[in-house]
Amino acid sequence: MNSANLLKLSRSLAGFYGAALVALAAVTMHLGLNQLTAAELAVVVSALSMLAVHTLAILLLGIKPSPGKLETAALLCWHLGTWLFVYTLLAGVWQLPLHLGRLAPVGGQLMILGWLLLAVSPWFGKHK
């Protein structure tokens, strides 16, 4: 996938993530508060917080005209990490299919790696 298509996909997915965030927050408030334990609610809040932060990060980096290789790698880490982390946490709380609890740490590590790639990109990337 070339970088132009990745940027288009990132902007589209950021819109999807934003919509999912609002919908999941609404479902949690309207249906989940009476059904979730305090521990389960904390897991949902953590998942939605990570979704919110990474949606904004993906959107901001996705509007850059020509990201370097490290920034592109950061975007990919954030997308995959967000899916693995957020879905795995929510699947555990709401008994969704394909709940593979061991994937949440992998998702979290990918999100951290994305941030580290962004941190070093000005020094080693395309725009030294």
N, C-alpha and C. Protein backbone atom coordinates (compact mmCIF):
# COMPACT_ATOMS: atom_id res chain seq x y z
N MET A 1 0.85 -1.18 0.00
CA MET A 1 0.00 0.00 0.00
C MET A 1 0.90 1.23 0.00
N ASN A 2 0.64 2.16 -0.91
CA ASN A 2 1.45 3.37 -0.93
C ASN A 2 0.99 4.34 0.16
N SER A 3 1.79 5.36 0.42
CA SER A 3 1.48 6.25 1.55
C SER A 3 0.22 7.07 1.32
N ALA A 4 -0.10 7.42 0.07
CA ALA A 4 -1.33 8.18 -0.19
C ALA A 4 -2.55 7.35 0.19
N ASN A 5 -2.54 6.07 -0.18
CA ASN A 5 -3.67 5.21 0.18
C ASN A 5 -3.73 4.96 1.68
N LEU A 6 -2.57 4.83 2.32
CA LEU A 6 -2.55 4.65 3.77
C LEU A 6 -3.15 5.88 4.46
N LEU A 7 -2.83 7.08 3.97
CA LEU A 7 -3.38 8.29 4.58
C LEU A 7 -4.89 8.35 4.39
N LYS A 8 -5.38 7.99 3.22
CA LYS A 8 -6.84 7.96 2.99
C LYS A 8 -7.50 6.94 3.93
N LEU A 9 -6.90 5.76 4.00
CA LEU A 9 -7.44 4.73 4.88
C LEU A 9 -7.41 5.18 6.34
N SER A 10 -6.33 5.83 6.75
CA SER A 10 -6.21 6.31 8.13
C SER A 10 -7.29 7.34 8.46
N ARG A 11 -7.53 8.27 7.54
CA ARG A 11 -8.58 9.27 7.78
C ARG A 11 -9.95 8.60 7.86
N SER A 12 -10.20 7.63 6.97
CA SER A 12 -11.48 6.93 7.00
C SER A 12 -11.65 6.14 8.30
N LEU A 13 -10.59 5.42 8.68
CA LEU A 13 -10.67 4.64 9.92
C LEU A 13 -10.80 5.54 11.14
N ALA A 14 -10.15 6.70 11.12
CA ALA A 14 -10.29 7.63 12.25
C ALA A 14 -11.75 8.07 12.39
N GLY A 15 -12.42 8.29 11.26
CA GLY A 15 -13.85 8.61 11.32
C GLY A 15 -14.66 7.45 11.89
N PHE A 16 -14.33 6.24 11.47
CA PHE A 16 -15.00 5.05 11.99
C PHE A 16 -14.74 4.90 13.48
N TYR A 17 -13.48 5.09 13.90
CA TYR A 17 -13.14 4.97 15.31
C TYR A 17 -13.91 6.01 16.14
N GLY A 18 -14.00 7.24 15.62
CA GLY A 18 -14.73 8.28 16.34
C GLY A 18 -16.20 7.92 16.51
N ALA A 19 -16.81 7.41 15.44
CA ALA A 19 -18.21 6.99 15.51
C ALA A 19 -18.38 5.83 16.49
N ALA A 20 -17.46 4.87 16.42
CA ALA A 20 -17.51 3.73 17.34
C ALA A 20 -17.35 4.18 18.78
N LEU A 21 -16.48 5.14 19.00
CA LEU A 21 -16.25 5.66 20.35
C LEU A 21 -17.53 6.25 20.93
N VAL A 22 -18.20 7.08 20.16
CA VAL A 22 -19.44 7.70 20.64
C VAL A 22 -20.51 6.63 20.87
N ALA A 23 -20.64 5.70 19.93
CA ALA A 23 -21.65 4.65 20.07
C ALA A 23 -21.37 3.76 21.28
N LEU A 24 -20.10 3.37 21.47
CA LEU A 24 -19.75 2.52 22.60
C LEU A 24 -19.94 3.25 23.93
N ALA A 25 -19.64 4.53 23.96
CA ALA A 25 -19.86 5.31 25.18
C ALA A 25 -21.36 5.38 25.49
N ALA A 26 -22.16 5.57 24.46
CA ALA A 26 -23.62 5.64 24.66
C ALA A 26 -24.16 4.30 25.14
N VAL A 27 -23.72 3.21 24.52
CA VAL A 27 -24.17 1.88 24.94
C VAL A 27 -23.77 1.63 26.40
N THR A 28 -22.56 2.01 26.73
CA THR A 28 -22.08 1.81 28.10
C THR A 28 -22.94 2.60 29.09
N MET A 29 -23.24 3.85 28.75
CA MET A 29 -24.02 4.68 29.67
C MET A 29 -25.48 4.22 29.78
N HIS A 30 -26.07 3.84 28.66
CA HIS A 30 -27.50 3.51 28.67
C HIS A 30 -27.80 2.07 29.05
N LEU A 31 -26.92 1.17 28.66
CA LEU A 31 -27.20 -0.24 28.92
C LEU A 31 -26.24 -0.86 29.93
N GLY A 32 -25.01 -0.39 29.93
CA GLY A 32 -23.99 -1.06 30.70
C GLY A 32 -23.90 -0.70 32.16
N LEU A 33 -24.28 0.49 32.53
CA LEU A 33 -24.07 0.92 33.91
C LEU A 33 -24.78 0.01 34.91
N ASN A 34 -25.95 -0.45 34.57
CA ASN A 34 -26.68 -1.32 35.49
C ASN A 34 -26.24 -2.77 35.41
N GLN A 35 -25.53 -3.13 34.35
CA GLN A 35 -25.17 -4.53 34.14
C GLN A 35 -23.70 -4.82 34.41
N LEU A 36 -22.87 -3.79 34.43
CA LEU A 36 -21.43 -3.99 34.58
C LEU A 36 -20.99 -3.82 36.03
N THR A 37 -20.04 -4.63 36.44
CA THR A 37 -19.42 -4.44 37.76
C THR A 37 -18.48 -3.23 37.67
N ALA A 38 -18.01 -2.79 38.79
CA ALA A 38 -17.07 -1.66 38.81
C ALA A 38 -15.79 -2.02 38.05
N ALA A 39 -15.32 -3.24 38.20
CA ALA A 39 -14.11 -3.67 37.50
C ALA A 39 -14.34 -3.71 35.99
N GLU A 40 -15.50 -4.22 35.57
CA GLU A 40 -15.81 -4.26 34.13
C GLU A 40 -15.94 -2.86 33.55
N LEU A 41 -16.57 -1.97 34.30
CA LEU A 41 -16.71 -0.58 33.85
C LEU A 41 -15.34 0.08 33.71
N ALA A 42 -14.44 -0.21 34.62
CA ALA A 42 -13.07 0.32 34.53
C ALA A 42 -12.37 -0.18 33.27
N VAL A 43 -12.58 -1.43 32.91
CA VAL A 43 -12.00 -1.99 31.68
C VAL A 43 -12.57 -1.26 30.47
N VAL A 44 -13.88 -1.05 30.44
CA VAL A 44 -14.51 -0.36 29.31
C VAL A 44 -13.99 1.07 29.21
N VAL A 45 -13.90 1.76 30.32
CA VAL A 45 -13.38 3.14 30.31
C VAL A 45 -11.94 3.17 29.81
N SER A 46 -11.12 2.21 30.23
CA SER A 46 -9.75 2.14 29.75
C SER A 46 -9.71 1.92 28.24
N ALA A 47 -10.52 1.00 27.74
CA ALA A 47 -10.55 0.71 26.30
C ALA A 47 -11.00 1.94 25.52
N LEU A 48 -12.05 2.61 25.99
CA LEU A 48 -12.55 3.78 25.28
C LEU A 48 -11.57 4.95 25.35
N SER A 49 -10.84 5.06 26.45
CA SER A 49 -9.82 6.11 26.55
C SER A 49 -8.71 5.89 25.53
N MET A 50 -8.26 4.66 25.41
CA MET A 50 -7.21 4.35 24.42
C MET A 50 -7.72 4.57 23.00
N LEU A 51 -8.98 4.22 22.77
CA LEU A 51 -9.57 4.45 21.46
C LEU A 51 -9.62 5.94 21.15
N ALA A 52 -10.00 6.75 22.12
CA ALA A 52 -10.09 8.20 21.90
C ALA A 52 -8.72 8.81 21.60
N VAL A 53 -7.74 8.48 22.41
CA VAL A 53 -6.40 9.05 22.23
C VAL A 53 -5.82 8.65 20.88
N HIS A 54 -5.95 7.39 20.53
CA HIS A 54 -5.34 6.92 19.29
C HIS A 54 -6.13 7.34 18.05
N THR A 55 -7.42 7.55 18.20
CA THR A 55 -8.20 8.11 17.09
C THR A 55 -7.68 9.49 16.75
N LEU A 56 -7.48 10.32 17.76
CA LEU A 56 -6.96 11.67 17.51
C LEU A 56 -5.54 11.64 16.95
N ALA A 57 -4.70 10.77 17.49
CA ALA A 57 -3.33 10.68 17.00
C ALA A 57 -3.29 10.24 15.54
N ILE A 58 -4.10 9.24 15.20
CA ILE A 58 -4.16 8.74 13.82
C ILE A 58 -4.68 9.84 12.90
N LEU A 59 -5.70 10.55 13.35
CA LEU A 59 -6.26 11.62 12.54
C LEU A 59 -5.22 12.72 12.29
N LEU A 60 -4.53 13.13 13.34
CA LEU A 60 -3.54 14.20 13.19
C LEU A 60 -2.37 13.78 12.31
N LEU A 61 -1.86 12.59 12.52
CA LEU A 61 -0.75 12.14 11.69
C LEU A 61 -1.23 11.82 10.27
N GLY A 62 -2.49 11.42 10.15
CA GLY A 62 -3.05 11.08 8.85
C GLY A 62 -3.31 12.27 7.95
N ILE A 63 -3.32 13.49 8.50
CA ILE A 63 -3.53 14.66 7.65
C ILE A 63 -2.22 15.27 7.19
N LYS A 64 -1.11 14.72 7.66
CA LYS A 64 0.20 15.19 7.21
C LYS A 64 0.36 14.85 5.73
N PRO A 65 0.81 15.79 4.91
CA PRO A 65 0.86 15.53 3.46
C PRO A 65 1.71 14.33 3.05
N SER A 66 2.88 14.18 3.63
CA SER A 66 3.72 13.04 3.24
C SER A 66 4.51 12.54 4.44
N PRO A 67 3.93 11.60 5.18
CA PRO A 67 4.64 11.08 6.35
C PRO A 67 5.85 10.26 5.92
N GLY A 68 6.88 10.29 6.76
CA GLY A 68 8.06 9.49 6.50
C GLY A 68 7.81 8.03 6.84
N LYS A 69 8.81 7.20 6.65
CA LYS A 69 8.66 5.76 6.89
C LYS A 69 8.37 5.46 8.35
N LEU A 70 9.04 6.17 9.26
CA LEU A 70 8.80 5.90 10.68
C LEU A 70 7.40 6.35 11.10
N GLU A 71 6.93 7.46 10.55
CA GLU A 71 5.57 7.92 10.85
C GLU A 71 4.53 6.96 10.26
N THR A 72 4.82 6.44 9.08
CA THR A 72 3.94 5.45 8.48
C THR A 72 3.89 4.19 9.34
N ALA A 73 5.05 3.78 9.82
CA ALA A 73 5.10 2.61 10.70
C ALA A 73 4.33 2.89 12.00
N ALA A 74 4.42 4.12 12.52
CA ALA A 74 3.66 4.48 13.72
C ALA A 74 2.16 4.36 13.46
N LEU A 75 1.70 4.85 12.31
CA LEU A 75 0.28 4.73 11.96
C LEU A 75 -0.16 3.27 11.94
N LEU A 76 0.64 2.43 11.31
CA LEU A 76 0.29 1.01 11.22
C LEU A 76 0.26 0.37 12.61
N CYS A 77 1.23 0.70 13.45
CA CYS A 77 1.24 0.17 14.83
C CYS A 77 0.00 0.62 15.59
N TRP A 78 -0.36 1.88 15.43
CA TRP A 78 -1.54 2.40 16.14
C TRP A 78 -2.81 1.72 15.66
N HIS A 79 -2.95 1.55 14.36
CA HIS A 79 -4.17 0.89 13.85
C HIS A 79 -4.28 -0.53 14.40
N LEU A 80 -3.25 -1.32 14.20
CA LEU A 80 -3.29 -2.71 14.64
C LEU A 80 -3.38 -2.80 16.16
N GLY A 81 -2.59 -2.01 16.85
CA GLY A 81 -2.61 -2.02 18.31
C GLY A 81 -3.96 -1.62 18.89
N THR A 82 -4.58 -0.61 18.29
CA THR A 82 -5.88 -0.16 18.77
C THR A 82 -6.92 -1.26 18.60
N TRP A 83 -6.93 -1.89 17.43
CA TRP A 83 -7.89 -2.97 17.21
C TRP A 83 -7.68 -4.10 18.22
N LEU A 84 -6.43 -4.53 18.37
CA LEU A 84 -6.15 -5.65 19.27
C LEU A 84 -6.49 -5.31 20.71
N PHE A 85 -6.06 -4.15 21.17
CA PHE A 85 -6.25 -3.76 22.57
C PHE A 85 -7.72 -3.50 22.88
N VAL A 86 -8.33 -2.61 22.12
CA VAL A 86 -9.70 -2.19 22.42
C VAL A 86 -10.67 -3.35 22.24
N TYR A 87 -10.59 -4.04 21.11
CA TYR A 87 -11.54 -5.14 20.88
C TYR A 87 -11.37 -6.24 21.93
N THR A 88 -10.14 -6.57 22.25
CA THR A 88 -9.92 -7.65 23.21
C THR A 88 -10.50 -7.29 24.58
N LEU A 89 -10.29 -6.06 25.02
CA LEU A 89 -10.86 -5.66 26.31
C LEU A 89 -12.38 -5.68 26.29
N LEU A 90 -12.97 -5.10 25.24
CA LEU A 90 -14.43 -5.04 25.17
C LEU A 90 -15.03 -6.43 24.97
N ALA A 91 -14.35 -7.27 24.19
CA ALA A 91 -14.85 -8.65 23.99
C ALA A 91 -14.88 -9.42 25.29
N GLY A 92 -13.92 -9.15 26.16
CA GLY A 92 -13.90 -9.82 27.46
C GLY A 92 -15.04 -9.40 28.35
N VAL A 93 -15.37 -8.12 28.32
CA VAL A 93 -16.45 -7.60 29.17
C VAL A 93 -17.81 -8.01 28.64
N TRP A 94 -18.00 -7.89 27.32
CA TRP A 94 -19.32 -8.12 26.73
C TRP A 94 -19.46 -9.49 26.08
N GLN A 95 -18.55 -10.42 26.36
CA GLN A 95 -18.60 -11.78 25.82
C GLN A 95 -18.81 -11.80 24.31
N LEU A 96 -18.00 -11.01 23.60
CA LEU A 96 -18.06 -10.97 22.14
C LEU A 96 -17.27 -12.13 21.55
N PRO A 97 -17.56 -12.49 20.31
CA PRO A 97 -16.81 -13.60 19.68
C PRO A 97 -15.34 -13.22 19.48
N LEU A 98 -14.54 -14.23 19.35
CA LEU A 98 -13.09 -14.07 19.11
C LEU A 98 -12.37 -13.34 20.23
N HIS A 99 -12.81 -13.58 21.46
CA HIS A 99 -12.11 -12.97 22.59
C HIS A 99 -10.84 -13.77 22.86
N LEU A 100 -9.72 -13.17 22.53
CA LEU A 100 -8.41 -13.78 22.78
C LEU A 100 -7.67 -12.85 23.73
N GLY A 101 -7.87 -13.08 25.01
CA GLY A 101 -7.36 -12.18 26.04
C GLY A 101 -5.88 -11.89 25.97
N ARG A 102 -5.11 -12.79 25.42
CA ARG A 102 -3.66 -12.58 25.37
C ARG A 102 -3.25 -11.57 24.31
N LEU A 103 -4.20 -11.13 23.49
CA LEU A 103 -3.87 -10.15 22.45
C LEU A 103 -3.87 -8.72 22.98
N ALA A 104 -4.53 -8.46 24.10
CA ALA A 104 -4.56 -7.10 24.64
C ALA A 104 -3.16 -6.57 24.93
N PRO A 105 -2.28 -7.33 25.58
CA PRO A 105 -0.93 -6.81 25.80
C PRO A 105 -0.16 -6.57 24.50
N VAL A 106 -0.38 -7.42 23.51
CA VAL A 106 0.27 -7.22 22.21
C VAL A 106 -0.21 -5.90 21.60
N GLY A 107 -1.52 -5.66 21.68
CA GLY A 107 -2.06 -4.40 21.18
C GLY A 107 -1.48 -3.20 21.92
N GLY A 108 -1.38 -3.30 23.23
CA GLY A 108 -0.79 -2.21 24.01
C GLY A 108 0.66 -1.97 23.65
N GLN A 109 1.40 -3.04 23.44
CA GLN A 109 2.81 -2.90 23.05
C GLN A 109 2.93 -2.26 21.67
N LEU A 110 2.04 -2.60 20.75
CA LEU A 110 2.07 -1.97 19.43
C LEU A 110 1.76 -0.48 19.52
N MET A 111 0.82 -0.11 20.38
CA MET A 111 0.51 1.31 20.55
C MET A 111 1.72 2.05 21.12
N ILE A 112 2.38 1.46 22.10
CA ILE A 112 3.60 2.07 22.67
C ILE A 112 4.67 2.19 21.60
N LEU A 113 4.87 1.14 20.82
CA LEU A 113 5.86 1.18 19.75
C LEU A 113 5.55 2.30 18.75
N GLY A 114 4.28 2.47 18.43
CA GLY A 114 3.89 3.57 17.54
C GLY A 114 4.30 4.92 18.09
N TRP A 115 4.10 5.13 19.38
CA TRP A 115 4.50 6.40 19.98
C TRP A 115 6.02 6.57 19.97
N LEU A 116 6.74 5.49 20.22
CA LEU A 116 8.20 5.58 20.19
C LEU A 116 8.71 5.85 18.77
N LEU A 117 8.08 5.24 17.77
CA LEU A 117 8.46 5.52 16.39
C LEU A 117 8.21 6.99 16.05
N LEU A 118 7.10 7.51 16.52
CA LEU A 118 6.82 8.94 16.29
C LEU A 118 7.86 9.81 16.99
N ALA A 119 8.27 9.40 18.19
CA ALA A 119 9.24 10.18 18.96
C ALA A 119 10.59 10.28 18.26
N VAL A 120 11.02 9.21 17.60
CA VAL A 120 12.34 9.24 16.95
C VAL A 120 12.27 9.69 15.50
N SER A 121 11.06 9.78 14.94
CA SER A 121 10.95 10.11 13.51
C SER A 121 11.58 11.45 13.12
N PRO A 122 11.55 12.49 13.95
CA PRO A 122 12.22 13.73 13.52
C PRO A 122 13.74 13.58 13.42
N TRP A 123 14.31 12.64 14.13
CA TRP A 123 15.76 12.49 14.20
C TRP A 123 16.29 11.50 13.16
N PHE A 124 15.49 10.50 12.84
CA PHE A 124 15.97 9.46 11.94
C PHE A 124 15.11 9.34 10.68
N GLY A 125 14.04 10.06 10.64
CA GLY A 125 13.11 9.92 9.54
C GLY A 125 13.46 10.80 8.35
N LYS A 126 12.49 10.96 7.51
CA LYS A 126 12.60 11.67 6.24
C LYS A 126 12.99 13.13 6.42
N HIS A 127 12.55 13.74 7.50
CA HIS A 127 12.75 15.20 7.69
C HIS A 127 13.79 15.48 8.77
N LYS A 128 15.00 15.05 8.57
CA LYS A 128 16.06 15.27 9.57
C LYS A 128 16.30 16.74 9.79
